[in-house]
Amino acid sequence: CSAENPATCGGSHAQASVQPLHYVLRVSDLRGALRFFEEVLGLRPIRHEEHPAACTLTCNGEYDTAWSKTMVGYATEDVAYCLELTHNYGVDHYKRGNGHQLIGIEVESVDAAFQAAVHLGYKIDNYNVVHGPDGYRYRMMPQTTGERFRY
């Protein structure tokens, strides 16, 4: 079964179900970022990997250092969208570009998320957007009910 050939997914009328699995965010302070994702967004760590050598794919940047990745989400990638938090050891900040402007995320309570963000020292702007770790911005939205796949 593949998205390129949906007919192989169980019959000629079958539709391929294509969904994103995760998005990579580079974080300079993994512990601080995890606290933000858990306490503000309600995401939990799903798995963590340590890599002693630099990544040859450069999806986490062109850094010649050990690195780690931690998957966080509401559930595993087969039932919920996840974020991959990539941490390059020895890198204390990342240059912000202009390609990634805003992450929209559903939370159980927008008000509780805002309160947790303020408690941790994060700024909320006039558009109800939380300015989180490493300059990423998050728009909180009420959790949708009845959806099979949670974002």
C-alpha atoms as a PDB file:
ATOM      1  CA  CYS A   1       0.000   0.000   0.000  1.00  0.00           C
ATOM      2  CA  SER A   2       1.382   3.434  -0.892  1.00  0.00           C
ATOM      3  CA  ALA A   3       0.204   7.000  -1.404  1.00  0.00           C
ATOM      4  CA  GLU A   4       1.512   6.828  -4.966  1.00  0.00           C
ATOM      5  CA  ASN A   5      -0.641   3.782  -5.710  1.00  0.00           C
ATOM      6  CA  PRO A   6      -3.743   3.845  -3.458  1.00  0.00           C
ATOM      7  CA  ALA A   7      -5.332   0.994  -5.385  1.00  0.00           C
ATOM      8  CA  THR A   8      -2.921  -1.367  -3.629  1.00  0.00           C
ATOM      9  CA  CYS A   9      -4.439  -0.422  -0.255  1.00  0.00           C
ATOM     10  CA  GLY A  10      -7.193  -2.980  -0.297  1.00  0.00           C
ATOM     11  CA  GLY A  11      -9.187  -2.510  -3.465  1.00  0.00           C
ATOM     12  CA  SER A  12      -9.810  -0.081  -6.271  1.00  0.00           C
ATOM     13  CA  HIS A  13     -12.034   2.157  -4.122  1.00  0.00           C
ATOM     14  CA  ALA A  14      -9.631   2.372  -1.194  1.00  0.00           C
ATOM     15  CA  GLN A  15      -8.192   5.775  -0.358  1.00  0.00           C
ATOM     16  CA  ALA A  16      -4.627   6.151   0.881  1.00  0.00           C
ATOM     17  CA  SER A  17      -4.378   7.742   4.301  1.00  0.00           C
ATOM     18  CA  VAL A  18      -1.409  10.089   4.249  1.00  0.00           C
ATOM     19  CA  GLN A  19      -0.628  12.011   7.405  1.00  0.00           C
ATOM     20  CA  PRO A  20       2.441  13.781   8.703  1.00  0.00           C
ATOM     21  CA  LEU A  21       4.243  11.947  11.484  1.00  0.00           C
ATOM     22  CA  HIS A  22       6.401  14.621  13.068  1.00  0.00           C
ATOM     23  CA  TYR A  23       8.197  17.918  12.648  1.00  0.00           C
ATOM     24  CA  VAL A  24      11.775  18.634  13.770  1.00  0.00           C
ATOM     25  CA  LEU A  25      12.521  21.519  16.139  1.00  0.00           C
ATOM     26  CA  ARG A  26      16.064  22.341  17.240  1.00  0.00           C
ATOM     27  CA  VAL A  27      16.328  23.127  20.949  1.00  0.00           C
ATOM     28  CA  SER A  28      19.356  24.550  22.740  1.00  0.00           C
ATOM     29  CA  ASP A  29      18.174  23.595  26.243  1.00  0.00           C
ATOM     30  CA  LEU A  30      16.586  20.158  26.125  1.00  0.00           C
ATOM     31  CA  ARG A  31      15.472  20.071  29.775  1.00  0.00           C
ATOM     32  CA  GLY A  32      13.914  23.530  29.579  1.00  0.00           C
ATOM     33  CA  ALA A  33      12.192  22.691  26.308  1.00  0.00           C
ATOM     34  CA  LEU A  34      10.817  19.438  27.731  1.00  0.00           C
ATOM     35  CA  ARG A  35       9.412  21.323  30.703  1.00  0.00           C
ATOM     36  CA  PHE A  36       7.679  23.758  28.323  1.00  0.00           C
ATOM     37  CA  PHE A  37       6.245  20.991  26.140  1.00  0.00           C
ATOM     38  CA  GLU A  38       4.996  18.989  29.107  1.00  0.00           C
ATOM     39  CA  GLU A  39       3.658  21.772  31.346  1.00  0.00           C
ATOM     40  CA  VAL A  40       2.355  24.207  28.724  1.00  0.00           C
ATOM     41  CA  LEU A  41       1.331  22.007  25.789  1.00  0.00           C
ATOM     42  CA  GLY A  42       0.626  18.744  27.612  1.00  0.00           C
ATOM     43  CA  LEU A  43       2.950  16.753  25.326  1.00  0.00           C
ATOM     44  CA  ARG A  44       4.830  13.845  26.866  1.00  0.00           C
ATOM     45  CA  PRO A  45       8.162  12.300  25.934  1.00  0.00           C
ATOM     46  CA  ILE A  46       7.623   9.210  23.803  1.00  0.00           C
ATOM     47  CA  ARG A  47      11.222   8.145  23.194  1.00  0.00           C
ATOM     48  CA  HIS A  48      14.742   9.513  23.437  1.00  0.00           C
ATOM     49  CA  GLU A  49      17.854   8.636  21.415  1.00  0.00           C
ATOM     50  CA  GLU A  50      21.481   9.637  21.967  1.00  0.00           C
ATOM     51  CA  HIS A  51      23.866   9.876  18.999  1.00  0.00           C
ATOM     52  CA  PRO A  52      27.604  10.168  19.767  1.00  0.00           C
ATOM     53  CA  ALA A  53      28.583  11.286  16.249  1.00  0.00           C
ATOM     54  CA  ALA A  54      27.332  14.179  14.125  1.00  0.00           C
ATOM     55  CA  CYS A  55      24.287  13.531  11.952  1.00  0.00           C
ATOM     56  CA  THR A  56      25.297  12.936   8.344  1.00  0.00           C
ATOM     57  CA  LEU A  57      21.841  13.896   7.016  1.00  0.00           C
ATOM     58  CA  THR A  58      22.045  17.452   8.438  1.00  0.00           C
ATOM     59  CA  CYS A  59      18.296  17.530   9.128  1.00  0.00           C
ATOM     60  CA  ASN A  60      19.180  18.891  12.563  1.00  0.00           C
ATOM     61  CA  GLY A  61      21.684  21.375  11.137  1.00  0.00           C
ATOM     62  CA  GLU A  62      25.293  21.134  10.043  1.00  0.00           C
ATOM     63  CA  TYR A  63      26.943  20.639  13.417  1.00  0.00           C
ATOM     64  CA  ASP A  64      29.992  18.491  14.053  1.00  0.00           C
ATOM     65  CA  THR A  65      28.890  17.326  17.489  1.00  0.00           C
ATOM     66  CA  ALA A  66      27.050  14.613  19.346  1.00  0.00           C
ATOM     67  CA  TRP A  67      23.303  15.087  19.345  1.00  0.00           C
ATOM     68  CA  SER A  68      20.071  13.670  20.688  1.00  0.00           C
ATOM     69  CA  LYS A  69      16.477  13.517  19.618  1.00  0.00           C
ATOM     70  CA  THR A  70      13.452  13.290  21.833  1.00  0.00           C
ATOM     71  CA  MET A  71      10.018  12.611  20.412  1.00  0.00           C
ATOM     72  CA  VAL A  72       7.160  14.336  22.257  1.00  0.00           C
ATOM     73  CA  GLY A  73       3.462  14.015  21.577  1.00  0.00           C
ATOM     74  CA  TYR A  74       0.015  13.280  22.951  1.00  0.00           C
ATOM     75  CA  ALA A  75       0.487   9.667  21.870  1.00  0.00           C
ATOM     76  CA  THR A  76       2.650   7.700  19.456  1.00  0.00           C
ATOM     77  CA  GLU A  77       2.963   8.822  15.833  1.00  0.00           C
ATOM     78  CA  ASP A  78       0.428   6.291  14.563  1.00  0.00           C
ATOM     79  CA  VAL A  79      -2.386   8.113  16.413  1.00  0.00           C
ATOM     80  CA  ALA A  80      -1.077  11.648  17.008  1.00  0.00           C
ATOM     81  CA  TYR A  81       1.246  14.182  15.456  1.00  0.00           C
ATOM     82  CA  CYS A  82       4.610  14.409  17.253  1.00  0.00           C
ATOM     83  CA  LEU A  83       7.434  16.895  17.541  1.00  0.00           C
ATOM     84  CA  GLU A  84      11.052  15.770  17.309  1.00  0.00           C
ATOM     85  CA  LEU A  85      13.199  17.870  19.622  1.00  0.00           C
ATOM     86  CA  THR A  86      16.753  17.761  18.315  1.00  0.00           C
ATOM     87  CA  HIS A  87      19.520  18.895  20.643  1.00  0.00           C
ATOM     88  CA  ASN A  88      23.080  19.396  19.364  1.00  0.00           C
ATOM     89  CA  TYR A  89      25.467  19.215  22.324  1.00  0.00           C
ATOM     90  CA  GLY A  90      27.569  22.341  22.757  1.00  0.00           C
ATOM     91  CA  VAL A  91      25.222  24.552  20.705  1.00  0.00           C
ATOM     92  CA  ASP A  92      23.700  27.159  23.016  1.00  0.00           C
ATOM     93  CA  HIS A  93      21.553  28.997  20.433  1.00  0.00           C
ATOM     94  CA  TYR A  94      20.320  28.719  16.869  1.00  0.00           C
ATOM     95  CA  LYS A  95      20.016  31.482  14.303  1.00  0.00           C
ATOM     96  CA  ARG A  96      16.331  32.051  13.616  1.00  0.00           C
ATOM     97  CA  GLY A  97      15.248  32.117  10.023  1.00  0.00           C
ATOM     98  CA  ASN A  98      11.986  33.341   8.595  1.00  0.00           C
ATOM     99  CA  GLY A  99      10.653  30.108   7.110  1.00  0.00           C
ATOM    100  CA  HIS A 100       8.945  28.786  10.227  1.00  0.00           C
ATOM    101  CA  GLN A 101       6.637  31.404  11.678  1.00  0.00           C
ATOM    102  CA  LEU A 102       4.020  29.746  13.875  1.00  0.00           C
ATOM    103  CA  ILE A 103       3.032  26.341  15.260  1.00  0.00           C
ATOM    104  CA  GLY A 104      -0.679  25.833  15.817  1.00  0.00           C
ATOM    105  CA  ILE A 105      -1.400  23.233  18.467  1.00  0.00           C
ATOM    106  CA  GLU A 106      -4.529  21.932  20.154  1.00  0.00           C
ATOM    107  CA  VAL A 107      -4.499  21.871  23.955  1.00  0.00           C
ATOM    108  CA  GLU A 108      -7.074  20.731  26.504  1.00  0.00           C
ATOM    109  CA  SER A 109      -7.371  24.225  27.985  1.00  0.00           C
ATOM    110  CA  VAL A 110      -6.059  27.345  26.277  1.00  0.00           C
ATOM    111  CA  ASP A 111      -6.305  29.330  29.538  1.00  0.00           C
ATOM    112  CA  ALA A 112      -4.348  26.692  31.492  1.00  0.00           C
ATOM    113  CA  ALA A 113      -1.678  26.619  28.768  1.00  0.00           C
ATOM    114  CA  PHE A 114      -1.327  30.412  28.944  1.00  0.00           C
ATOM    115  CA  GLN A 115      -1.075  30.317  32.747  1.00  0.00           C
ATOM    116  CA  ALA A 116       1.618  27.616  32.599  1.00  0.00           C
ATOM    117  CA  ALA A 117       3.564  29.577  29.980  1.00  0.00           C
ATOM    118  CA  VAL A 118       3.494  32.754  32.075  1.00  0.00           C
ATOM    119  CA  HIS A 119       4.497  30.771  35.179  1.00  0.00           C
ATOM    120  CA  LEU A 120       7.563  29.466  33.287  1.00  0.00           C
ATOM    121  CA  GLY A 121       8.450  33.002  32.157  1.00  0.00           C
ATOM    122  CA  TYR A 122       7.335  32.855  28.523  1.00  0.00           C
ATOM    123  CA  LYS A 123       5.762  35.857  26.791  1.00  0.00           C
ATOM    124  CA  ILE A 124       2.247  35.887  25.319  1.00  0.00           C
ATOM    125  CA  ASP A 125       1.752  38.537  22.644  1.00  0.00           C
ATOM    126  CA  ASN A 126      -1.364  40.519  21.722  1.00  0.00           C
ATOM    127  CA  TYR A 127      -2.404  37.767  19.287  1.00  0.00           C
ATOM    128  CA  ASN A 128      -2.517  35.095  22.036  1.00  0.00           C
ATOM    129  CA  VAL A 129       0.644  33.479  20.733  1.00  0.00           C
ATOM    130  CA  VAL A 130       3.151  32.037  23.210  1.00  0.00           C
ATOM    131  CA  HIS A 131       6.806  32.772  22.476  1.00  0.00           C
ATOM    132  CA  GLY A 132       8.418  29.498  23.564  1.00  0.00           C
ATOM    133  CA  PRO A 133      11.902  27.984  23.723  1.00  0.00           C
ATOM    134  CA  ASP A 134      14.413  28.980  21.034  1.00  0.00           C
ATOM    135  CA  GLY A 135      12.081  31.611  19.597  1.00  0.00           C
ATOM    136  CA  TYR A 136       9.409  29.235  18.289  1.00  0.00           C
ATOM    137  CA  ARG A 137       5.902  30.674  18.513  1.00  0.00           C
ATOM    138  CA  TYR A 138       2.806  28.646  19.420  1.00  0.00           C
ATOM    139  CA  ARG A 139      -0.849  29.451  18.807  1.00  0.00           C
ATOM    140  CA  MET A 140      -2.991  27.537  21.287  1.00  0.00           C
ATOM    141  CA  MET A 141      -6.298  26.183  20.023  1.00  0.00           C
ATOM    142  CA  PRO A 142      -8.996  24.255  21.888  1.00  0.00           C
ATOM    143  CA  GLN A 143      -8.746  20.516  21.398  1.00  0.00           C
ATOM    144  CA  THR A 144     -11.042  19.185  18.670  1.00  0.00           C
ATOM    145  CA  THR A 145     -13.285  16.341  19.731  1.00  0.00           C
ATOM    146  CA  GLY A 146     -14.057  13.361  17.573  1.00  0.00           C
ATOM    147  CA  GLU A 147     -10.903  13.551  15.438  1.00  0.00           C
ATOM    148  CA  ARG A 148      -9.076  10.279  14.839  1.00  0.00           C
ATOM    149  CA  PHE A 149      -5.703  11.988  14.488  1.00  0.00           C
ATOM    150  CA  ARG A 150      -4.707  14.573  17.079  1.00  0.00           C
ATOM    151  CA  TYR A 151      -2.567  17.626  16.220  1.00  0.00           C
END
